[in-house]
Amino acid sequence: SSVEADNVASLVFAEEQGSFLVGAAAALKSETDHVGFIGGVETPLIQKFEAGYIAGAQAVNPKIKVDVTYLTQVPDFSGFGDPAKGKTAAEGMYDNGADIVYHAAGGSGGGVFEAASESGNWAIGVDSDQYNTADPSVKESILTSMLKNVNVAVHEYLAEVDGGDFPSGVSTYDLAIDGVGYSTSGGFIDDIVEQLDEFKQQIIDGEISVPTAP
């Protein structure tokens, strides 16, 4: 939840736009036309990730199958910190035929990466470039990550403060200002970057409107 006051600035992100791009990546890379999404806790924020991911996958392949599961429901927020539960959920999806699973599940994502690695499938990271931070034993299973470029948001904000402004209220960091994006670490999606960047431009130009709710 955000507080609205003259002395409060909320720097928020268009997570659905970044999620759309990794959803497109999943659909372009899937060999089974079947992918998955694991959310930590079913909140409106995490549903933004789900909605964008599904829209991106369907933009590539309208017939793709997308499995969705949330590890816990409000008020139980343990879904963001339960790698064992994340692993079990991902194993179920891989066993069921999905070959790529995107998580927006905080610390539980480590279990998703383990399940991907052990089954020879792909996972997609979230928020930061998880190829660079995950355990070395699983990083080769991380296809890409949806990036929230906090550095961009903070830099833009501080530049305005330095210029004498104190922007209050809500500032949304979207694809148009590089607020969200996707990672290419590992080189696993190098062959589809051109297609992803076409989608990115269509979103920036308003030709594609990305949903924020499933």
Protein backbone atom coordinates (compact mmCIF):
# COMPACT_ATOMS: atom_id res chain seq x y z
CA SER A 1 0.00 0.00 0.00
CA SER A 2 1.22 3.51 -0.64
CA VAL A 3 0.88 6.62 1.48
CA GLU A 4 -0.10 9.87 -0.17
CA ALA A 5 1.40 12.95 1.47
CA ASP A 6 3.27 16.04 0.37
CA ASN A 7 6.52 14.69 1.77
CA VAL A 8 6.22 11.15 0.42
CA ALA A 9 7.37 9.97 -3.00
CA SER A 10 6.31 6.52 -4.18
CA LEU A 11 8.57 5.09 -6.87
CA VAL A 12 6.59 2.25 -8.43
CA PHE A 13 7.22 0.01 -11.40
CA ALA A 14 5.22 -1.25 -14.35
CA GLU A 15 5.92 -4.86 -13.39
CA GLU A 16 3.28 -6.04 -15.85
CA GLN A 17 5.30 -4.61 -18.77
CA GLY A 18 8.53 -6.35 -17.81
CA SER A 19 6.56 -9.52 -17.14
CA PHE A 20 4.99 -9.30 -20.61
CA LEU A 21 8.47 -9.43 -22.16
CA VAL A 22 9.60 -12.47 -20.17
CA GLY A 23 6.25 -14.11 -20.95
CA ALA A 24 6.98 -13.57 -24.63
CA ALA A 25 10.46 -15.00 -24.09
CA ALA A 26 8.97 -18.06 -22.40
CA ALA A 27 6.56 -18.68 -25.27
CA LEU A 28 9.30 -18.20 -27.88
CA LYS A 29 11.59 -20.65 -26.06
CA SER A 30 9.09 -23.27 -24.90
CA GLU A 31 9.28 -26.56 -26.76
CA THR A 32 6.09 -27.90 -25.20
CA ASP A 33 3.87 -24.80 -25.68
CA HIS A 34 3.30 -25.04 -21.94
CA VAL A 35 4.73 -22.68 -19.32
CA GLY A 36 4.06 -21.76 -15.72
CA PHE A 37 3.85 -18.91 -13.23
CA ILE A 38 4.44 -19.19 -9.48
CA GLY A 39 3.45 -16.27 -7.27
CA GLY A 40 4.53 -16.08 -3.64
CA VAL A 41 1.33 -14.62 -2.22
CA GLU A 42 -1.83 -13.79 -4.15
CA THR A 43 -1.94 -9.99 -3.86
CA PRO A 44 -2.89 -7.36 -6.48
CA LEU A 45 0.83 -6.56 -6.89
CA ILE A 46 1.84 -10.14 -7.70
CA GLN A 47 -1.21 -10.51 -9.95
CA LYS A 48 0.34 -7.73 -12.08
CA PHE A 49 3.27 -10.06 -12.76
CA GLU A 50 0.91 -12.91 -13.60
CA ALA A 51 -1.27 -10.79 -15.90
CA GLY A 52 1.67 -9.40 -17.85
CA TYR A 53 3.37 -12.77 -18.17
CA ILE A 54 0.28 -14.48 -19.55
CA ALA A 55 -0.39 -11.61 -21.96
CA GLY A 56 3.16 -11.79 -23.27
CA ALA A 57 3.06 -15.55 -23.71
CA GLN A 58 -0.30 -15.34 -25.52
CA ALA A 59 0.95 -12.55 -27.79
CA VAL A 60 3.46 -15.05 -29.15
CA ASN A 61 1.23 -18.12 -29.04
CA PRO A 62 -2.51 -17.63 -28.40
CA LYS A 63 -2.89 -21.35 -27.73
CA ILE A 64 -0.09 -21.66 -25.15
CA LYS A 65 -0.98 -23.36 -21.87
CA VAL A 66 -0.06 -21.34 -18.77
CA ASP A 67 -0.23 -22.97 -15.34
CA VAL A 68 -0.62 -20.54 -12.43
CA THR A 69 -0.20 -21.20 -8.73
CA TYR A 70 0.25 -19.08 -5.62
CA LEU A 71 2.16 -20.55 -2.69
CA THR A 72 0.06 -18.86 0.00
CA GLN A 73 -2.96 -16.61 0.38
CA VAL A 74 -3.23 -13.41 2.42
CA PRO A 75 -2.79 -13.07 5.42
CA ASP A 76 -0.16 -15.82 5.18
CA PHE A 77 2.89 -14.16 3.63
CA SER A 78 5.23 -17.12 4.12
CA GLY A 79 4.96 -17.80 0.37
CA PHE A 80 7.72 -15.27 -0.17
CA GLY A 81 10.16 -17.19 2.02
CA ASP A 82 9.55 -20.90 1.51
CA PRO A 83 11.99 -22.41 -1.02
CA ALA A 84 10.73 -25.94 -0.30
CA LYS A 85 7.18 -24.97 -1.24
CA GLY A 86 8.46 -23.16 -4.33
CA LYS A 87 10.38 -26.25 -5.38
CA THR A 88 7.39 -28.55 -4.93
CA ALA A 89 5.12 -26.23 -6.91
CA ALA A 90 7.62 -25.97 -9.77
CA GLU A 91 8.25 -29.73 -9.80
CA GLY A 92 4.50 -30.23 -10.24
CA MET A 93 4.47 -27.88 -13.23
CA TYR A 94 7.50 -29.50 -14.88
CA ASP A 95 6.06 -32.98 -14.27
CA ASN A 96 2.84 -31.76 -15.87
CA GLY A 97 4.60 -30.73 -19.08
CA ALA A 98 5.60 -27.09 -18.56
CA ASP A 99 9.21 -26.48 -19.57
CA ILE A 100 9.63 -22.87 -18.38
CA VAL A 101 8.41 -21.41 -15.05
CA TYR A 102 8.50 -17.73 -14.04
CA HIS A 103 8.45 -16.95 -10.35
CA ALA A 104 7.46 -13.79 -8.51
CA ALA A 105 7.91 -15.41 -5.14
CA GLY A 106 10.84 -13.76 -3.37
CA GLY A 107 13.03 -16.22 -1.49
CA SER A 108 10.86 -19.14 -2.58
CA GLY A 109 12.29 -18.66 -6.07
CA GLY A 110 15.46 -20.50 -5.03
CA GLY A 111 13.40 -23.67 -4.89
CA VAL A 112 11.97 -22.99 -8.35
CA PHE A 113 15.52 -22.72 -9.71
CA GLU A 114 16.46 -26.03 -8.04
CA ALA A 115 13.46 -27.76 -9.60
CA ALA A 116 14.36 -26.38 -13.03
CA SER A 117 17.96 -27.45 -12.71
CA GLU A 118 17.18 -30.96 -11.49
CA SER A 119 14.60 -31.57 -14.21
CA GLY A 120 16.59 -30.03 -17.07
CA ASN A 121 14.08 -27.23 -17.63
CA TRP A 122 14.16 -23.43 -17.54
CA ALA A 123 13.14 -20.93 -14.87
CA ILE A 124 12.76 -17.15 -15.11
CA GLY A 125 13.94 -14.86 -12.32
CA VAL A 126 12.41 -11.66 -11.02
CA ASP A 127 13.25 -8.11 -9.86
CA SER A 128 17.03 -8.36 -10.36
CA ASP A 129 19.29 -10.32 -12.69
CA GLN A 130 19.10 -13.58 -10.76
CA TYR A 131 21.63 -15.27 -13.06
CA ASN A 132 24.19 -13.17 -11.20
CA THR A 133 22.93 -13.86 -7.67
CA ALA A 134 21.53 -17.40 -7.66
CA ASP A 135 23.51 -20.37 -6.44
CA PRO A 136 26.09 -21.29 -9.13
CA SER A 137 24.61 -24.80 -9.31
CA VAL A 138 21.34 -23.48 -10.76
CA LYS A 139 22.29 -20.37 -12.76
CA GLU A 140 22.54 -22.26 -16.05
CA SER A 141 18.79 -22.96 -15.73
CA ILE A 142 17.81 -19.27 -15.48
CA LEU A 143 16.61 -18.30 -18.96
CA THR A 144 16.21 -14.59 -18.18
CA SER A 145 14.97 -12.37 -15.36
CA MET A 146 12.37 -9.62 -15.28
CA LEU A 147 14.22 -6.53 -14.12
CA LYS A 148 12.96 -3.72 -11.94
CA ASN A 149 15.64 -1.11 -12.51
CA VAL A 150 15.64 0.44 -9.06
CA ASN A 151 18.93 2.16 -9.97
CA VAL A 152 17.18 4.03 -12.78
CA ALA A 153 14.32 5.08 -10.53
CA VAL A 154 16.57 6.28 -7.74
CA HIS A 155 18.91 8.10 -10.13
CA GLU A 156 16.03 9.87 -11.90
CA TYR A 157 14.48 10.81 -8.60
CA LEU A 158 17.70 12.14 -7.07
CA ALA A 159 18.45 14.08 -10.25
CA GLU A 160 15.12 15.88 -9.81
CA VAL A 161 15.84 16.57 -6.14
CA ASP A 162 19.29 17.87 -7.10
CA GLY A 163 17.58 20.16 -9.59
CA GLY A 164 15.48 21.70 -6.82
CA ASP A 165 12.31 19.63 -7.20
CA PHE A 166 10.93 17.29 -4.61
CA PRO A 167 8.48 15.18 -6.61
CA SER A 168 5.85 13.73 -4.30
CA GLY A 169 3.07 11.33 -5.13
CA VAL A 170 3.43 8.28 -7.34
CA SER A 171 6.02 8.03 -10.11
CA THR A 172 5.71 4.95 -12.32
CA TYR A 173 8.84 3.57 -13.94
CA ASP A 174 7.90 1.72 -17.12
CA LEU A 175 9.53 0.46 -20.31
CA ALA A 176 9.52 3.92 -21.88
CA ILE A 177 12.04 5.17 -19.31
CA ASP A 178 13.89 1.90 -18.79
CA GLY A 179 12.19 1.35 -15.43
CA VAL A 180 11.63 -2.34 -16.16
CA GLY A 181 13.14 -4.79 -18.61
CA TYR A 182 14.69 -8.22 -18.99
CA SER A 183 18.17 -9.65 -18.60
CA THR A 184 20.31 -11.39 -21.22
CA SER A 185 22.91 -12.89 -18.87
CA GLY A 186 24.00 -16.37 -19.91
CA GLY A 187 23.21 -15.63 -23.54
CA PHE A 188 20.23 -18.00 -23.51
CA ILE A 189 17.83 -15.57 -25.20
CA ASP A 190 20.26 -13.83 -27.55
CA ASP A 191 18.42 -15.36 -30.52
CA ILE A 192 15.08 -13.75 -29.59
CA VAL A 193 16.17 -10.30 -28.37
CA GLU A 194 15.11 -8.72 -31.66
CA GLN A 195 11.57 -10.09 -31.25
CA LEU A 196 11.39 -9.04 -27.61
CA ASP A 197 12.52 -5.54 -28.47
CA GLU A 198 9.78 -5.31 -31.10
CA PHE A 199 7.22 -6.11 -28.39
CA LYS A 200 8.92 -3.58 -26.10
CA GLN A 201 8.57 -0.86 -28.72
CA GLN A 202 4.92 -1.75 -29.36
CA ILE A 203 4.22 -1.37 -25.63
CA ILE A 204 6.06 1.96 -25.49
CA ASP A 205 4.15 3.19 -28.56
CA GLY A 206 0.83 2.16 -27.02
CA GLU A 207 0.10 -0.40 -29.72
CA ILE A 208 0.03 -3.09 -27.04
CA SER A 209 -1.77 -2.38 -23.77
CA VAL A 210 -0.60 -4.72 -21.03
CA PRO A 211 -3.18 -5.79 -18.44
CA THR A 212 -2.48 -5.30 -14.74
CA ALA A 213 -5.01 -7.82 -13.45
CA PRO A 214 -5.55 -11.47 -14.48
